[in-house]
Amino acid sequence: MRQGETANDFYDYINVLLGGAETALKEEVGEGYTDDMLKALTSIALDMFIKGLPADICRSVDAIKPKDLEEALKEAVRIEQHTGLRRRSHPTNPMSAIPEETASTTVLTDEIEEQESPVHYRIIR
């Protein structure tokens, strides 16, 4: 979770990554794709979501052993609202150890941002 993000923001980010991974898996595997493969991806996404939350929220969400992303989000938002910890980032975020240029999630985010907000240049003569 990045500095200044809320649990909802981070949830949306994880869902974008999950959707991209699911699409890539379906394309790669083709007809051999099964729902069990998606379950593995969603389990990884849930783990990434929980571990990417601020430390206090991470511990509390992990303690309830959420069965899915939605349940984890609901608990994270409840804790955010109760404690006011919306603006702190997780000091042990696994993605923070990866240089930004090589982090695949950063690259994916940059690609999405480029698609959503193209830059237009105006030539003045």
Protein backbone atom coordinates (compact mmCIF):
# COMPACT_ATOMS: atom_id res chain seq x y z
CA MET A 1 0.00 0.00 0.00
CA ARG A 2 1.47 3.34 -0.98
CA GLN A 3 1.70 6.38 1.26
CA GLY A 4 -1.65 8.20 1.22
CA GLU A 5 -3.69 5.26 -0.11
CA THR A 6 -6.75 3.89 1.61
CA ALA A 7 -7.61 0.22 1.90
CA ASN A 8 -10.19 0.77 -0.88
CA ASP A 9 -7.51 2.24 -3.16
CA PHE A 10 -5.20 -0.69 -2.47
CA TYR A 11 -8.03 -3.19 -3.01
CA ASP A 12 -8.75 -1.65 -6.42
CA TYR A 13 -5.04 -1.88 -7.30
CA ILE A 14 -4.87 -5.56 -6.30
CA ASN A 15 -8.03 -6.28 -8.33
CA VAL A 16 -6.47 -4.70 -11.44
CA LEU A 17 -3.42 -6.93 -10.99
CA LEU A 18 -5.61 -9.98 -10.39
CA GLY A 19 -7.66 -9.28 -13.51
CA GLY A 20 -4.52 -8.92 -15.61
CA ALA A 21 -3.05 -12.12 -14.21
CA GLU A 22 -6.29 -14.01 -14.85
CA THR A 23 -6.45 -12.78 -18.45
CA ALA A 24 -2.80 -13.70 -19.06
CA LEU A 25 -3.32 -17.14 -17.55
CA LYS A 26 -6.40 -17.81 -19.69
CA GLU A 27 -4.49 -16.79 -22.82
CA GLU A 28 -1.46 -18.89 -21.90
CA VAL A 29 -3.30 -22.05 -20.84
CA GLY A 30 -6.19 -21.82 -23.29
CA GLU A 31 -8.65 -24.69 -23.05
CA GLY A 32 -6.74 -26.18 -20.12
CA TYR A 33 -7.80 -23.28 -17.88
CA THR A 34 -9.67 -24.38 -14.74
CA ASP A 35 -11.37 -22.63 -11.83
CA ASP A 36 -8.74 -24.12 -9.52
CA MET A 37 -6.15 -21.97 -11.29
CA LEU A 38 -8.20 -18.87 -10.51
CA LYS A 39 -8.50 -19.97 -6.87
CA ALA A 40 -4.70 -20.05 -6.65
CA LEU A 41 -4.47 -16.53 -8.10
CA THR A 42 -7.12 -15.15 -5.74
CA SER A 43 -5.35 -16.75 -2.78
CA ILE A 44 -2.11 -15.01 -3.77
CA ALA A 45 -3.98 -11.72 -4.26
CA LEU A 46 -5.55 -12.04 -0.80
CA ASP A 47 -2.14 -12.64 0.76
CA MET A 48 -0.65 -9.65 -1.13
CA PHE A 49 -3.52 -7.44 0.02
CA ILE A 50 -3.20 -8.36 3.68
CA LYS A 51 0.60 -8.11 3.76
CA GLY A 52 0.54 -4.79 1.93
CA LEU A 53 -1.68 -3.08 4.51
CA PRO A 54 -0.24 -0.84 7.26
CA ALA A 55 1.21 -2.96 10.08
CA ASP A 56 -1.60 -2.40 12.61
CA ILE A 57 -4.32 -3.11 10.07
CA CYS A 58 -2.39 -6.06 8.62
CA ARG A 59 -2.25 -7.83 11.99
CA SER A 60 -5.94 -7.30 12.68
CA VAL A 61 -7.10 -8.39 9.22
CA ASP A 62 -4.82 -11.43 9.26
CA ALA A 63 -6.16 -12.42 12.70
CA ILE A 64 -9.72 -12.87 11.37
CA LYS A 65 -8.46 -15.19 8.58
CA PRO A 66 -10.62 -13.67 5.82
CA LYS A 67 -11.84 -16.14 3.21
CA ASP A 68 -11.65 -13.65 0.32
CA LEU A 69 -10.54 -10.17 -0.72
CA GLU A 70 -13.94 -8.65 -0.02
CA GLU A 71 -13.95 -9.87 3.58
CA ALA A 72 -10.39 -8.60 4.08
CA LEU A 73 -11.34 -5.21 2.61
CA LYS A 74 -14.39 -4.92 4.84
CA GLU A 75 -12.29 -5.52 7.95
CA ALA A 76 -9.50 -3.18 6.79
CA VAL A 77 -11.97 -0.36 6.13
CA ARG A 78 -13.61 -0.94 9.52
CA ILE A 79 -10.23 -0.66 11.22
CA GLU A 80 -9.24 2.40 9.18
CA GLN A 81 -12.44 4.17 10.18
CA HIS A 82 -12.11 3.13 13.80
CA THR A 83 -8.45 4.03 14.27
CA GLY A 84 -7.88 6.76 11.70
CA LEU A 85 -4.84 4.99 10.25
CA ARG A 86 -5.75 5.83 6.65
CA ARG A 87 -2.56 7.63 5.72
CA ARG A 88 0.21 5.33 6.98
CA SER A 89 2.02 2.87 4.79
CA HIS A 90 3.25 -0.59 5.73
CA PRO A 91 6.97 -0.46 6.63
CA THR A 92 7.52 -4.06 5.56
CA ASN A 93 5.64 -3.92 2.28
CA PRO A 94 7.26 -6.64 0.13
CA MET A 95 7.04 -4.43 -2.98
CA SER A 96 9.08 -1.67 -1.32
CA ALA A 97 12.18 -3.85 -1.49
CA ILE A 98 11.96 -4.11 -5.27
CA PRO A 99 13.48 -1.27 -7.26
CA GLU A 100 10.67 0.66 -8.90
CA GLU A 101 12.05 0.17 -12.41
CA THR A 102 11.86 -3.62 -12.06
CA ALA A 103 8.67 -4.05 -10.05
CA SER A 104 6.14 -5.67 -12.36
CA THR A 105 3.24 -4.10 -10.50
CA THR A 106 4.75 -0.66 -10.98
CA VAL A 107 5.21 -1.32 -14.68
CA LEU A 108 1.60 -2.50 -14.95
CA THR A 109 0.37 0.57 -13.10
CA ASP A 110 2.39 2.86 -15.34
CA GLU A 111 0.92 1.19 -18.44
CA ILE A 112 -2.62 1.59 -17.12
CA GLU A 113 -2.04 5.24 -16.22
CA GLU A 114 -0.62 5.92 -19.69
CA GLN A 115 -3.70 4.40 -21.31
CA GLU A 116 -6.14 6.31 -19.11
CA SER A 117 -4.55 9.76 -19.44
CA PRO A 118 -2.76 10.23 -22.75
CA VAL A 119 -0.60 13.31 -23.11
CA HIS A 120 -1.53 15.69 -25.89
CA TYR A 121 0.97 18.22 -27.14
CA ARG A 122 -0.03 21.44 -28.78
CA ILE A 123 2.37 23.01 -31.23
CA ILE A 124 2.35 26.79 -31.13
CA ARG A 125 3.92 28.64 -34.08
